[in-house]
């Protein structure tokens, strides 16, 4: 199966973009080739730009506290595993404390480094980080892999509290929904949304062997999903087959 996720507001969209960038930064930082570390650094620059929004940190802290209060109320429920609940509540408290302890704007440590900012500016130019443009960067890329990895970990570390908080909030969001089996007749699915169908995230799961791509459009009143044929050489067209898929509405 292959899953497609579609955020329905800007806040969740930003969180998911950051989640993707943080995954890339961690992945490429752990590699050893200079090209991997170039990719890791580029991802960190994007994280710094995206995470510098003034309300991101406060949004995450408010959501963590809200989830802590909601989950704490479940302690008296005999159907809830107390040990698992306590462990998750501990994770929330730790994530909130780590995030709250961060001073200043997110990504300021990158912006305060003149050398890194020079590289970031040159990355915005096609082919702008060639060795003749940035000899000091070329020198860094030719250091031992272990040294580059240590530098990358230092630059990545201030983003980890954001990563931890995002992981918790998005996990709660994704686990909140229940899937239902649906059919897109002739490749089209439409649903009028009601008060009990309000969502912040849609998850669509389709069989991986079907060469169809869902095109999703949604607002507070209606959801429309068109399944398009996968073709990288021609403009995608709506298919004329019925497609079974799982649809999940997720909400914090």
C-alpha atoms as a PDB file:
ATOM      1  CA  UNK A   1       0.000   0.000   0.000  1.00  0.00           C
ATOM      2  CA  UNK A   2       1.065   3.589  -0.550  1.00  0.00           C
ATOM      3  CA  UNK A   3      -0.259   6.451   1.581  1.00  0.00           C
ATOM      4  CA  UNK A   4      -0.847  10.045   0.525  1.00  0.00           C
ATOM      5  CA  UNK A   5      -1.288  12.746   3.167  1.00  0.00           C
ATOM      6  CA  UNK A   6      -2.979  16.067   2.490  1.00  0.00           C
ATOM      7  CA  UNK A   7      -2.889  18.820   5.164  1.00  0.00           C
ATOM      8  CA  UNK A   8      -5.966  21.021   5.288  1.00  0.00           C
ATOM      9  CA  UNK A   9      -4.551  24.126   6.962  1.00  0.00           C
ATOM     10  CA  UNK A  10      -1.335  26.123   6.868  1.00  0.00           C
ATOM     11  CA  UNK A  11      -0.244  25.158  10.376  1.00  0.00           C
ATOM     12  CA  UNK A  12      -0.245  21.420   9.640  1.00  0.00           C
ATOM     13  CA  UNK A  13       1.273  22.060   6.220  1.00  0.00           C
ATOM     14  CA  UNK A  14       4.224  23.855   7.837  1.00  0.00           C
ATOM     15  CA  UNK A  15       4.677  21.087  10.406  1.00  0.00           C
ATOM     16  CA  UNK A  16       4.758  18.396   7.732  1.00  0.00           C
ATOM     17  CA  UNK A  17       7.242  20.330   5.626  1.00  0.00           C
ATOM     18  CA  UNK A  18       9.498  20.696   8.648  1.00  0.00           C
ATOM     19  CA  UNK A  19       9.110  17.000   9.426  1.00  0.00           C
ATOM     20  CA  UNK A  20      10.285  16.126   5.908  1.00  0.00           C
ATOM     21  CA  UNK A  21      13.240  18.529   6.035  1.00  0.00           C
ATOM     22  CA  UNK A  22      14.338  17.318   9.477  1.00  0.00           C
ATOM     23  CA  UNK A  23      14.223  13.722   8.263  1.00  0.00           C
ATOM     24  CA  UNK A  24      16.420  14.650   5.304  1.00  0.00           C
ATOM     25  CA  UNK A  25      18.870  16.581   7.478  1.00  0.00           C
ATOM     26  CA  UNK A  26      19.246  13.663   9.899  1.00  0.00           C
ATOM     27  CA  UNK A  27      19.522  11.108   7.107  1.00  0.00           C
ATOM     28  CA  UNK A  28      22.194  12.886   5.081  1.00  0.00           C
ATOM     29  CA  UNK A  29      24.132  14.005   8.176  1.00  0.00           C
ATOM     30  CA  UNK A  30      24.644  10.348   9.101  1.00  0.00           C
ATOM     31  CA  UNK A  31      26.148   9.556   5.693  1.00  0.00           C
ATOM     32  CA  UNK A  32      29.802  10.046   4.842  1.00  0.00           C
ATOM     33  CA  UNK A  33      30.055  11.394   1.306  1.00  0.00           C
ATOM     34  CA  UNK A  34      30.607  15.139   0.678  1.00  0.00           C
ATOM     35  CA  UNK A  35      27.499  15.225  -1.544  1.00  0.00           C
ATOM     36  CA  UNK A  36      25.440  13.809   1.342  1.00  0.00           C
ATOM     37  CA  UNK A  37      26.700  16.498   3.694  1.00  0.00           C
ATOM     38  CA  UNK A  38      25.986  19.171   1.122  1.00  0.00           C
ATOM     39  CA  UNK A  39      22.376  17.898   1.006  1.00  0.00           C
ATOM     40  CA  UNK A  40      22.209  17.884   4.825  1.00  0.00           C
ATOM     41  CA  UNK A  41      23.393  21.474   5.020  1.00  0.00           C
ATOM     42  CA  UNK A  42      20.924  22.575   2.364  1.00  0.00           C
ATOM     43  CA  UNK A  43      18.100  20.927   4.324  1.00  0.00           C
ATOM     44  CA  UNK A  44      19.186  22.767   7.481  1.00  0.00           C
ATOM     45  CA  UNK A  45      19.089  26.105   5.686  1.00  0.00           C
ATOM     46  CA  UNK A  46      15.520  25.344   4.587  1.00  0.00           C
ATOM     47  CA  UNK A  47      14.594  24.323   8.144  1.00  0.00           C
ATOM     48  CA  UNK A  48      15.988  27.612   9.440  1.00  0.00           C
ATOM     49  CA  UNK A  49      13.894  29.586   6.959  1.00  0.00           C
ATOM     50  CA  UNK A  50      10.696  27.662   7.612  1.00  0.00           C
ATOM     51  CA  UNK A  51      11.038  27.368  11.393  1.00  0.00           C
ATOM     52  CA  UNK A  52      11.824  31.046  11.928  1.00  0.00           C
ATOM     53  CA  UNK A  53       8.097  31.854  11.990  1.00  0.00           C
ATOM     54  CA  UNK A  54       7.500  33.579  15.301  1.00  0.00           C
ATOM     55  CA  UNK A  55       4.399  31.546  16.176  1.00  0.00           C
ATOM     56  CA  UNK A  56       5.722  28.038  15.459  1.00  0.00           C
ATOM     57  CA  UNK A  57       7.317  27.535  18.857  1.00  0.00           C
ATOM     58  CA  UNK A  58       4.285  28.886  20.732  1.00  0.00           C
ATOM     59  CA  UNK A  59       1.923  26.789  18.583  1.00  0.00           C
ATOM     60  CA  UNK A  60       3.834  23.630  19.440  1.00  0.00           C
ATOM     61  CA  UNK A  61       4.010  24.468  23.146  1.00  0.00           C
ATOM     62  CA  UNK A  62       0.272  25.174  23.293  1.00  0.00           C
ATOM     63  CA  UNK A  63      -0.552  21.957  21.457  1.00  0.00           C
ATOM     64  CA  UNK A  64       1.719  19.878  23.684  1.00  0.00           C
ATOM     65  CA  UNK A  65       0.068  21.312  26.796  1.00  0.00           C
ATOM     66  CA  UNK A  66      -3.399  20.716  25.359  1.00  0.00           C
ATOM     67  CA  UNK A  67      -2.554  17.099  24.590  1.00  0.00           C
ATOM     68  CA  UNK A  68      -1.045  16.650  28.065  1.00  0.00           C
ATOM     69  CA  UNK A  69      -4.263  17.824  29.668  1.00  0.00           C
ATOM     70  CA  UNK A  70      -6.456  15.681  27.414  1.00  0.00           C
ATOM     71  CA  UNK A  71      -4.389  12.554  27.986  1.00  0.00           C
ATOM     72  CA  UNK A  72      -4.062  13.142  31.720  1.00  0.00           C
ATOM     73  CA  UNK A  73      -7.854  12.945  31.952  1.00  0.00           C
ATOM     74  CA  UNK A  74      -7.648   9.348  30.687  1.00  0.00           C
ATOM     75  CA  UNK A  75      -5.784   8.096  33.777  1.00  0.00           C
ATOM     76  CA  UNK A  76      -9.054   6.957  35.375  1.00  0.00           C
ATOM     77  CA  UNK A  77     -10.157   5.028  32.294  1.00  0.00           C
ATOM     78  CA  UNK A  78      -9.674   1.304  32.969  1.00  0.00           C
ATOM     79  CA  UNK A  79      -9.466   0.579  29.227  1.00  0.00           C
ATOM     80  CA  UNK A  80      -6.302   2.677  28.898  1.00  0.00           C
ATOM     81  CA  UNK A  81      -2.912   1.066  29.556  1.00  0.00           C
ATOM     82  CA  UNK A  82      -1.570   3.186  32.417  1.00  0.00           C
ATOM     83  CA  UNK A  83       2.095   2.408  31.755  1.00  0.00           C
ATOM     84  CA  UNK A  84       1.888   3.352  28.066  1.00  0.00           C
ATOM     85  CA  UNK A  85      -0.049   6.518  28.902  1.00  0.00           C
ATOM     86  CA  UNK A  86       2.468   7.584  31.560  1.00  0.00           C
ATOM     87  CA  UNK A  87       5.350   6.999  29.145  1.00  0.00           C
ATOM     88  CA  UNK A  88       3.739   9.130  26.465  1.00  0.00           C
ATOM     89  CA  UNK A  89       2.878  11.881  28.956  1.00  0.00           C
ATOM     90  CA  UNK A  90       6.516  11.855  30.065  1.00  0.00           C
ATOM     91  CA  UNK A  91       7.587  12.297  26.436  1.00  0.00           C
ATOM     92  CA  UNK A  92       5.250  15.290  26.105  1.00  0.00           C
ATOM     93  CA  UNK A  93       6.578  16.929  29.276  1.00  0.00           C
ATOM     94  CA  UNK A  94      10.189  16.390  28.189  1.00  0.00           C
ATOM     95  CA  UNK A  95       9.550  17.735  24.682  1.00  0.00           C
ATOM     96  CA  UNK A  96       7.809  20.829  26.044  1.00  0.00           C
ATOM     97  CA  UNK A  97      10.619  21.499  28.528  1.00  0.00           C
ATOM     98  CA  UNK A  98      13.304  21.126  25.838  1.00  0.00           C
ATOM     99  CA  UNK A  99      11.429  23.424  23.484  1.00  0.00           C
ATOM    100  CA  UNK A 100      10.716  26.003  26.185  1.00  0.00           C
ATOM    101  CA  UNK A 101      14.389  26.116  27.201  1.00  0.00           C
ATOM    102  CA  UNK A 102      15.421  27.293  23.739  1.00  0.00           C
ATOM    103  CA  UNK A 103      16.225  30.978  23.788  1.00  0.00           C
ATOM    104  CA  UNK A 104      15.894  33.248  20.785  1.00  0.00           C
ATOM    105  CA  UNK A 105      14.467  32.536  17.378  1.00  0.00           C
ATOM    106  CA  UNK A 106      14.764  29.089  15.860  1.00  0.00           C
ATOM    107  CA  UNK A 107      17.678  28.880  13.437  1.00  0.00           C
ATOM    108  CA  UNK A 108      19.455  31.952  14.825  1.00  0.00           C
ATOM    109  CA  UNK A 109      22.632  29.902  15.286  1.00  0.00           C
ATOM    110  CA  UNK A 110      22.849  29.491  11.509  1.00  0.00           C
ATOM    111  CA  UNK A 111      22.132  33.137  10.762  1.00  0.00           C
ATOM    112  CA  UNK A 112      24.820  34.219  13.237  1.00  0.00           C
ATOM    113  CA  UNK A 113      27.473  32.191  11.391  1.00  0.00           C
ATOM    114  CA  UNK A 114      28.849  34.355   8.589  1.00  0.00           C
ATOM    115  CA  UNK A 115      30.532  31.407   6.861  1.00  0.00           C
ATOM    116  CA  UNK A 116      27.299  29.401   6.752  1.00  0.00           C
ATOM    117  CA  UNK A 117      25.326  32.396   5.520  1.00  0.00           C
ATOM    118  CA  UNK A 118      27.774  32.864   2.668  1.00  0.00           C
ATOM    119  CA  UNK A 119      27.208  29.248   1.646  1.00  0.00           C
ATOM    120  CA  UNK A 120      23.443  29.647   1.940  1.00  0.00           C
ATOM    121  CA  UNK A 121      23.463  32.700  -0.321  1.00  0.00           C
ATOM    122  CA  UNK A 122      25.572  30.920  -2.913  1.00  0.00           C
ATOM    123  CA  UNK A 123      23.254  27.876  -2.827  1.00  0.00           C
ATOM    124  CA  UNK A 124      20.517  30.113  -4.167  1.00  0.00           C
ATOM    125  CA  UNK A 125      22.547  30.558  -7.378  1.00  0.00           C
ATOM    126  CA  UNK A 126      22.569  27.661  -9.876  1.00  0.00           C
ATOM    127  CA  UNK A 127      26.026  26.103  -9.620  1.00  0.00           C
ATOM    128  CA  UNK A 128      26.980  28.778  -7.092  1.00  0.00           C
ATOM    129  CA  UNK A 129      28.964  26.575  -4.716  1.00  0.00           C
ATOM    130  CA  UNK A 130      31.672  25.393  -7.084  1.00  0.00           C
ATOM    131  CA  UNK A 131      35.157  25.215  -5.587  1.00  0.00           C
ATOM    132  CA  UNK A 132      36.256  28.416  -7.378  1.00  0.00           C
ATOM    133  CA  UNK A 133      33.287  30.280  -5.847  1.00  0.00           C
ATOM    134  CA  UNK A 134      33.699  28.983  -2.286  1.00  0.00           C
ATOM    135  CA  UNK A 135      37.181  27.543  -1.738  1.00  0.00           C
ATOM    136  CA  UNK A 136      36.631  27.409   2.044  1.00  0.00           C
ATOM    137  CA  UNK A 137      33.515  25.281   1.524  1.00  0.00           C
ATOM    138  CA  UNK A 138      35.461  23.053  -0.873  1.00  0.00           C
ATOM    139  CA  UNK A 139      38.088  22.649   1.853  1.00  0.00           C
ATOM    140  CA  UNK A 140      35.407  21.691   4.402  1.00  0.00           C
ATOM    141  CA  UNK A 141      33.900  19.131   2.050  1.00  0.00           C
ATOM    142  CA  UNK A 142      37.329  17.535   1.749  1.00  0.00           C
ATOM    143  CA  UNK A 143      37.842  17.162   5.495  1.00  0.00           C
ATOM    144  CA  UNK A 144      37.536  13.737   7.076  1.00  0.00           C
ATOM    145  CA  UNK A 145      33.933  12.510   7.089  1.00  0.00           C
ATOM    146  CA  UNK A 146      33.944  12.278  10.884  1.00  0.00           C
ATOM    147  CA  UNK A 147      34.847  15.949  11.233  1.00  0.00           C
ATOM    148  CA  UNK A 148      32.072  17.016   8.870  1.00  0.00           C
ATOM    149  CA  UNK A 149      29.609  14.810  10.726  1.00  0.00           C
ATOM    150  CA  UNK A 150      30.541  16.416  14.036  1.00  0.00           C
ATOM    151  CA  UNK A 151      30.061  19.889  12.562  1.00  0.00           C
ATOM    152  CA  UNK A 152      26.688  18.909  11.130  1.00  0.00           C
ATOM    153  CA  UNK A 153      25.551  17.495  14.476  1.00  0.00           C
ATOM    154  CA  UNK A 154      26.458  20.796  16.156  1.00  0.00           C
ATOM    155  CA  UNK A 155      24.407  22.749  13.603  1.00  0.00           C
ATOM    156  CA  UNK A 156      21.519  20.266  13.738  1.00  0.00           C
ATOM    157  CA  UNK A 157      21.308  20.036  17.546  1.00  0.00           C
ATOM    158  CA  UNK A 158      19.342  23.311  18.103  1.00  0.00           C
ATOM    159  CA  UNK A 159      16.620  21.986  15.777  1.00  0.00           C
ATOM    160  CA  UNK A 160      16.136  18.721  17.687  1.00  0.00           C
ATOM    161  CA  UNK A 161      13.627  20.114  20.254  1.00  0.00           C
ATOM    162  CA  UNK A 162      11.446  21.178  17.309  1.00  0.00           C
ATOM    163  CA  UNK A 163      11.884  17.726  15.796  1.00  0.00           C
ATOM    164  CA  UNK A 164      10.864  16.063  19.066  1.00  0.00           C
ATOM    165  CA  UNK A 165       7.775  18.248  19.522  1.00  0.00           C
ATOM    166  CA  UNK A 166       6.691  17.843  15.899  1.00  0.00           C
ATOM    167  CA  UNK A 167       7.017  14.081  16.166  1.00  0.00           C
ATOM    168  CA  UNK A 168       4.625  13.978  19.108  1.00  0.00           C
ATOM    169  CA  UNK A 169       2.030  16.374  17.664  1.00  0.00           C
ATOM    170  CA  UNK A 170       1.965  14.713  14.238  1.00  0.00           C
ATOM    171  CA  UNK A 171       1.829  11.246  15.814  1.00  0.00           C
ATOM    172  CA  UNK A 172      -1.249  12.254  17.821  1.00  0.00           C
ATOM    173  CA  UNK A 173      -2.796  13.769  14.699  1.00  0.00           C
ATOM    174  CA  UNK A 174      -2.207  10.701  12.528  1.00  0.00           C
ATOM    175  CA  UNK A 175      -3.415   8.296  15.210  1.00  0.00           C
ATOM    176  CA  UNK A 176      -6.622  10.273  15.753  1.00  0.00           C
ATOM    177  CA  UNK A 177      -8.453   9.095  12.656  1.00  0.00           C
ATOM    178  CA  UNK A 178     -10.350   5.971  11.683  1.00  0.00           C
ATOM    179  CA  UNK A 179     -10.132   4.631   8.163  1.00  0.00           C
ATOM    180  CA  UNK A 180     -13.134   3.865   5.992  1.00  0.00           C
ATOM    181  CA  UNK A 181     -13.199   1.993   2.699  1.00  0.00           C
ATOM    182  CA  UNK A 182     -14.322   4.149  -0.223  1.00  0.00           C
ATOM    183  CA  UNK A 183     -14.689   3.823  -3.985  1.00  0.00           C
ATOM    184  CA  UNK A 184     -13.872   6.460  -6.582  1.00  0.00           C
ATOM    185  CA  UNK A 185     -16.233   5.623  -9.429  1.00  0.00           C
ATOM    186  CA  UNK A 186     -14.616   6.296 -12.801  1.00  0.00           C
ATOM    187  CA  UNK A 187     -11.738   7.806 -10.865  1.00  0.00           C
ATOM    188  CA  UNK A 188     -13.808  10.462  -9.059  1.00  0.00           C
ATOM    189  CA  UNK A 189     -14.798  10.680  -5.389  1.00  0.00           C
ATOM    190  CA  UNK A 190     -16.835  13.519  -3.905  1.00  0.00           C
ATOM    191  CA  UNK A 191     -18.031  13.992  -0.338  1.00  0.00           C
ATOM    192  CA  UNK A 192     -19.952  16.790   1.297  1.00  0.00           C
ATOM    193  CA  UNK A 193     -18.380  17.608   4.650  1.00  0.00           C
ATOM    194  CA  UNK A 194     -20.392  17.988   7.830  1.00  0.00           C
ATOM    195  CA  UNK A 195     -19.492  19.086  11.356  1.00  0.00           C
ATOM    196  CA  UNK A 196     -18.317  15.573  12.273  1.00  0.00           C
ATOM    197  CA  UNK A 197     -16.084  15.448   9.202  1.00  0.00           C
ATOM    198  CA  UNK A 198     -13.988  18.523  10.029  1.00  0.00           C
ATOM    199  CA  UNK A 199     -10.338  17.553   9.700  1.00  0.00           C
ATOM    200  CA  UNK A 200      -6.821  18.952   9.666  1.00  0.00           C
ATOM    201  CA  UNK A 201      -5.280  16.097   7.722  1.00  0.00           C
ATOM    202  CA  UNK A 202      -6.531  13.607   5.128  1.00  0.00           C
ATOM    203  CA  UNK A 203      -4.830  10.257   4.628  1.00  0.00           C
ATOM    204  CA  UNK A 204      -5.522   8.251   1.481  1.00  0.00           C
ATOM    205  CA  UNK A 205      -4.213   4.706   1.141  1.00  0.00           C
ATOM    206  CA  UNK A 206      -4.166   2.966  -2.240  1.00  0.00           C
ATOM    207  CA  UNK A 207      -2.761  -0.345  -3.456  1.00  0.00           C
ATOM    208  CA  UNK A 208       0.822   0.241  -4.513  1.00  0.00           C
ATOM    209  CA  UNK A 209       0.489  -1.718  -7.751  1.00  0.00           C
ATOM    210  CA  UNK A 210      -2.168   0.666  -9.096  1.00  0.00           C
ATOM    211  CA  UNK A 211      -0.530   3.352 -11.281  1.00  0.00           C
ATOM    212  CA  UNK A 212      -2.966   6.029 -10.139  1.00  0.00           C
ATOM    213  CA  UNK A 213      -2.235   9.317  -8.350  1.00  0.00           C
ATOM    214  CA  UNK A 214      -4.879  11.067  -6.204  1.00  0.00           C
ATOM    215  CA  UNK A 215      -5.407  14.763  -6.869  1.00  0.00           C
ATOM    216  CA  UNK A 216      -7.048  16.218  -3.754  1.00  0.00           C
ATOM    217  CA  UNK A 217      -8.964  19.454  -3.289  1.00  0.00           C
ATOM    218  CA  UNK A 218     -10.898  20.240  -0.150  1.00  0.00           C
ATOM    219  CA  UNK A 219     -12.478  23.057   1.820  1.00  0.00           C
ATOM    220  CA  UNK A 220     -14.800  23.212   4.822  1.00  0.00           C
ATOM    221  CA  UNK A 221     -17.760  22.159   2.691  1.00  0.00           C
ATOM    222  CA  UNK A 222     -16.599  19.475   0.278  1.00  0.00           C
ATOM    223  CA  UNK A 223     -13.868  16.987  -0.549  1.00  0.00           C
ATOM    224  CA  UNK A 224     -12.989  16.074  -4.118  1.00  0.00           C
ATOM    225  CA  UNK A 225     -10.513  13.385  -5.110  1.00  0.00           C
ATOM    226  CA  UNK A 226      -9.615  12.646  -8.721  1.00  0.00           C
ATOM    227  CA  UNK A 227      -7.406   9.701  -9.575  1.00  0.00           C
ATOM    228  CA  UNK A 228      -5.064  10.471 -12.440  1.00  0.00           C
ATOM    229  CA  UNK A 229      -3.045   8.063 -14.524  1.00  0.00           C
ATOM    230  CA  UNK A 230       0.677   8.027 -13.773  1.00  0.00           C
ATOM    231  CA  UNK A 231       2.551   9.236 -16.848  1.00  0.00           C
ATOM    232  CA  UNK A 232       5.746  11.284 -16.665  1.00  0.00           C
ATOM    233  CA  UNK A 233       5.722  12.031 -20.393  1.00  0.00           C
ATOM    234  CA  UNK A 234       2.176  13.316 -20.889  1.00  0.00           C
ATOM    235  CA  UNK A 235      -0.236  15.479 -18.962  1.00  0.00           C
ATOM    236  CA  UNK A 236      -2.033  13.266 -16.410  1.00  0.00           C
ATOM    237  CA  UNK A 237      -5.668  12.478 -17.206  1.00  0.00           C
ATOM    238  CA  UNK A 238      -8.467  11.275 -14.967  1.00  0.00           C
ATOM    239  CA  UNK A 239      -8.797   7.525 -15.241  1.00  0.00           C
ATOM    240  CA  UNK A 240     -12.023   5.768 -16.167  1.00  0.00           C
ATOM    241  CA  UNK A 241     -11.748   2.914 -13.680  1.00  0.00           C
ATOM    242  CA  UNK A 242     -13.259   2.436 -10.250  1.00  0.00           C
ATOM    243  CA  UNK A 243     -10.613   2.739  -7.528  1.00  0.00           C
ATOM    244  CA  UNK A 244     -10.940   1.364  -4.005  1.00  0.00           C
ATOM    245  CA  UNK A 245      -9.044   3.265  -1.324  1.00  0.00           C
ATOM    246  CA  UNK A 246      -8.985   3.903   2.410  1.00  0.00           C
ATOM    247  CA  UNK A 247      -9.837   7.417   3.586  1.00  0.00           C
ATOM    248  CA  UNK A 248      -8.962   8.766   7.026  1.00  0.00           C
ATOM    249  CA  UNK A 249      -9.948  12.099   8.552  1.00  0.00           C
ATOM    250  CA  UNK A 250      -7.458  13.189  11.248  1.00  0.00           C
ATOM    251  CA  UNK A 251      -7.940  15.976  13.754  1.00  0.00           C
ATOM    252  CA  UNK A 252      -6.120  17.145  16.868  1.00  0.00           C
END
